[in-house]
Amino acid sequence: MLKRFVPQKPMPPVREEPRFSGPDENNHPANGEEPIITSTIIDKPKPMADHGGKDILSSDVEIKGSIKFQKELLIDGKVEGEINSDGVLTIGENADIRGEVKTKSITVYGKVHGNITVAERCELKSKCTLQGDLKAARLVIEEGATFIGKSEVTSGSISAKSAPARPEVVRSSEPIKAAFGGR
């Protein structure tokens, strides 16, 4: 039979004061006992990567090279290089990405010049610009988004090479204007 380890909350630090009624004339405890003092327990600080929130690269950050992350990342600066992750990526309004992007899920508000491969969902917001090819299981393009390239809507996970299935179409609640004018 396996026993499951359940971590317990650490107890708060405890400090006991000396236990005696008062010193005698030689400055010893009156009842002959020595004072009992326990040490204070100090918790170790947690590493920064343990916070569990969204990581942010602000608009004044410029990176040349590759980026890898685990959970969630918001990029609002300039990146030249590839971005790889099994997490959720948000490209902010001020962002300018030049390079290949491979991630689990992406939402684009800014500019991307390069190919995007997404295992699950890709969302192109109304003021974004994507110049490059796009491969995703689900694709949402808002009215006003600029997309120059080809798209491939896959079935399920990108890494799984299975028989082609019918792609899922996600429609916006806003009406779509005709792209080539009235005919």
Protein backbone atom coordinates (compact mmCIF):
# COMPACT_ATOMS: atom_id res chain seq x y z
CA MET A 1 0.00 0.00 0.00
CA LEU A 2 1.39 3.39 -1.00
CA LYS A 3 1.12 6.31 1.35
CA ARG A 4 0.67 9.75 -0.14
CA PHE A 5 2.82 12.55 1.21
CA VAL A 6 0.80 15.66 2.01
CA PRO A 7 2.94 18.71 2.79
CA GLN A 8 1.96 20.57 5.94
CA LYS A 9 1.95 24.33 6.36
CA PRO A 10 5.02 25.53 8.23
CA MET A 11 4.34 26.68 11.77
CA PRO A 12 4.82 30.37 12.46
CA PRO A 13 8.06 31.35 14.21
CA VAL A 14 7.89 30.96 17.99
CA ARG A 15 9.93 32.79 20.57
CA GLU A 16 9.59 31.94 24.23
CA GLU A 17 10.59 34.33 26.94
CA PRO A 18 12.71 33.16 29.86
CA ARG A 19 10.62 31.33 32.51
CA PHE A 20 11.58 32.48 35.99
CA SER A 21 10.10 34.68 38.63
CA GLY A 22 13.02 37.07 38.92
CA PRO A 23 16.74 37.15 39.65
CA ASP A 24 18.17 36.80 43.15
CA GLU A 25 21.05 38.89 44.50
CA ASN A 26 23.61 37.00 42.30
CA ASN A 27 21.52 37.62 39.16
CA HIS A 28 20.42 33.93 38.96
CA PRO A 29 16.82 32.82 38.54
CA ALA A 30 14.98 32.67 41.86
CA ASN A 31 13.74 29.10 41.41
CA GLY A 32 17.11 27.77 40.17
CA GLU A 33 15.93 27.11 36.62
CA GLU A 34 17.84 28.31 33.58
CA PRO A 35 15.89 30.45 31.10
CA ILE A 36 14.49 28.53 28.11
CA ILE A 37 14.84 30.30 24.76
CA THR A 38 14.04 28.72 21.40
CA SER A 39 15.44 29.97 18.11
CA THR A 40 13.36 31.75 15.52
CA ILE A 41 12.57 29.93 12.28
CA ILE A 42 13.08 31.97 9.10
CA ASP A 43 11.36 30.89 5.88
CA LYS A 44 13.52 30.74 2.76
CA PRO A 45 12.43 33.14 0.01
CA LYS A 46 10.70 31.52 -2.96
CA PRO A 47 12.36 31.75 -6.37
CA MET A 48 10.93 34.39 -8.71
CA ALA A 49 9.83 31.82 -11.30
CA ASP A 50 7.48 30.27 -8.74
CA HIS A 51 5.01 33.19 -8.69
CA GLY A 52 2.63 31.54 -11.17
CA GLY A 53 1.55 34.82 -12.82
CA LYS A 54 2.06 36.14 -16.33
CA ASP A 55 5.61 37.14 -17.24
CA ILE A 56 5.97 40.45 -19.09
CA LEU A 57 8.56 41.86 -21.49
CA SER A 58 7.63 45.55 -21.55
CA SER A 59 7.70 47.93 -24.52
CA ASP A 60 11.22 49.21 -23.74
CA VAL A 61 12.75 45.69 -24.00
CA GLU A 62 14.62 44.60 -27.15
CA ILE A 63 15.82 41.00 -27.51
CA LYS A 64 17.93 39.37 -30.21
CA GLY A 65 17.96 35.62 -29.73
CA SER A 66 15.59 32.82 -28.80
CA ILE A 67 12.95 32.92 -26.07
CA LYS A 68 11.62 29.88 -24.21
CA PHE A 69 9.01 29.99 -21.44
CA GLN A 70 6.70 27.62 -19.57
CA LYS A 71 3.39 29.22 -18.63
CA GLU A 72 2.28 32.66 -19.83
CA LEU A 73 4.24 35.48 -21.47
CA LEU A 74 3.22 38.94 -22.65
CA ILE A 75 5.67 40.54 -25.09
CA ASP A 76 5.19 44.25 -25.70
CA GLY A 77 8.73 45.01 -26.92
CA LYS A 78 10.89 44.05 -29.89
CA VAL A 79 12.10 40.49 -30.44
CA GLU A 80 14.33 39.29 -33.27
CA GLY A 81 14.65 35.51 -33.15
CA GLU A 82 12.55 32.46 -32.46
CA ILE A 83 10.00 32.00 -29.68
CA ASN A 84 9.28 28.42 -28.48
CA SER A 85 6.87 27.36 -25.76
CA ASP A 86 4.17 24.98 -24.60
CA GLY A 87 2.51 27.95 -22.92
CA VAL A 88 0.28 30.90 -23.77
CA LEU A 89 1.80 33.86 -25.63
CA THR A 90 0.34 37.36 -25.98
CA ILE A 91 1.88 39.79 -28.46
CA GLY A 92 1.08 43.29 -27.15
CA GLU A 93 0.07 46.39 -29.15
CA ASN A 94 3.61 47.85 -29.12
CA ALA A 95 5.32 44.55 -29.96
CA ASP A 96 7.36 43.96 -33.11
CA ILE A 97 8.31 40.29 -33.50
CA ARG A 98 10.65 39.21 -36.31
CA GLY A 99 11.10 35.46 -36.36
CA GLU A 100 9.47 32.06 -36.05
CA VAL A 101 6.88 31.54 -33.29
CA LYS A 102 5.90 28.06 -32.02
CA THR A 103 3.58 27.93 -29.02
CA LYS A 104 0.47 26.30 -27.57
CA SER A 105 -1.77 29.36 -27.84
CA ILE A 106 -1.26 32.94 -29.11
CA THR A 107 -3.14 36.23 -29.16
CA VAL A 108 -1.67 38.92 -31.44
CA TYR A 109 -2.35 42.63 -30.89
CA GLY A 110 0.90 43.95 -32.43
CA LYS A 111 3.17 43.11 -35.39
CA VAL A 112 4.64 39.73 -36.29
CA HIS A 113 6.94 39.20 -39.30
CA GLY A 114 7.46 35.45 -39.44
CA ASN A 115 5.66 32.13 -39.40
CA ILE A 116 3.43 31.13 -36.49
CA THR A 117 2.75 27.50 -35.55
CA VAL A 118 0.20 27.00 -32.77
CA ALA A 119 -0.90 23.70 -31.23
CA GLU A 120 -4.30 25.02 -30.12
CA ARG A 121 -5.72 28.52 -30.66
CA CYS A 122 -4.52 31.58 -32.60
CA GLU A 123 -6.34 34.88 -32.29
CA LEU A 124 -5.51 37.87 -34.52
CA LYS A 125 -6.94 41.06 -33.00
CA SER A 126 -8.35 43.99 -35.01
CA LYS A 127 -5.23 46.20 -35.11
CA CYS A 128 -2.59 43.47 -35.51
CA THR A 129 -0.36 42.76 -38.51
CA LEU A 130 0.88 39.28 -39.38
CA GLN A 131 3.24 38.82 -42.32
CA GLY A 132 3.95 35.11 -42.55
CA ASP A 133 2.34 31.72 -42.72
CA LEU A 134 0.06 30.49 -39.97
CA LYS A 135 -0.71 26.95 -38.82
CA ALA A 136 -3.20 26.39 -35.98
CA ALA A 137 -5.92 24.04 -34.77
CA ARG A 138 -8.32 26.97 -34.22
CA LEU A 139 -8.12 30.41 -35.82
CA VAL A 140 -9.98 33.61 -34.94
CA ILE A 141 -9.41 36.71 -37.07
CA GLU A 142 -11.12 39.93 -36.03
CA GLU A 143 -12.26 42.49 -38.57
CA GLY A 144 -9.47 45.00 -39.21
CA ALA A 145 -6.60 42.54 -38.70
CA THR A 146 -3.94 42.50 -41.43
CA PHE A 147 -2.80 39.02 -42.45
CA ILE A 148 -0.43 38.54 -45.39
CA GLY A 149 0.45 34.89 -45.88
CA LYS A 150 -1.21 31.52 -46.02
CA SER A 151 -3.06 29.77 -43.25
CA GLU A 152 -3.60 26.13 -42.46
CA VAL A 153 -6.25 25.14 -39.95
CA THR A 154 -5.32 21.69 -38.68
CA SER A 155 -7.24 19.10 -36.75
CA GLY A 156 -6.27 18.86 -33.08
CA SER A 157 -2.61 19.11 -32.11
CA ILE A 158 -0.05 20.28 -34.67
CA SER A 159 2.48 17.63 -33.67
CA ALA A 160 0.05 14.75 -34.20
CA LYS A 161 0.06 13.75 -37.90
CA SER A 162 -3.32 12.14 -38.36
CA ALA A 163 -5.82 11.88 -41.17
CA PRO A 164 -7.19 15.29 -42.19
CA ALA A 165 -10.48 16.16 -40.56
CA ARG A 166 -12.89 18.99 -41.11
CA PRO A 167 -11.39 22.25 -39.71
CA GLU A 168 -13.22 24.05 -36.95
CA VAL A 169 -14.57 27.45 -37.97
CA VAL A 170 -14.90 30.07 -35.24
CA ARG A 171 -17.05 33.03 -36.21
CA SER A 172 -16.92 36.49 -34.67
CA SER A 173 -20.16 38.02 -33.38
CA GLU A 174 -19.54 41.11 -35.57
CA PRO A 175 -20.80 41.15 -39.19
CA ILE A 176 -18.05 40.73 -41.79
CA LYS A 177 -17.80 43.29 -44.61
CA ALA A 178 -17.17 42.03 -48.12
CA ALA A 179 -13.42 41.99 -48.86
CA PHE A 180 -13.76 42.79 -52.60
CA GLY A 181 -16.64 45.26 -52.51
CA GLY A 182 -20.17 44.62 -53.74
CA ARG A 183 -20.40 42.50 -56.90
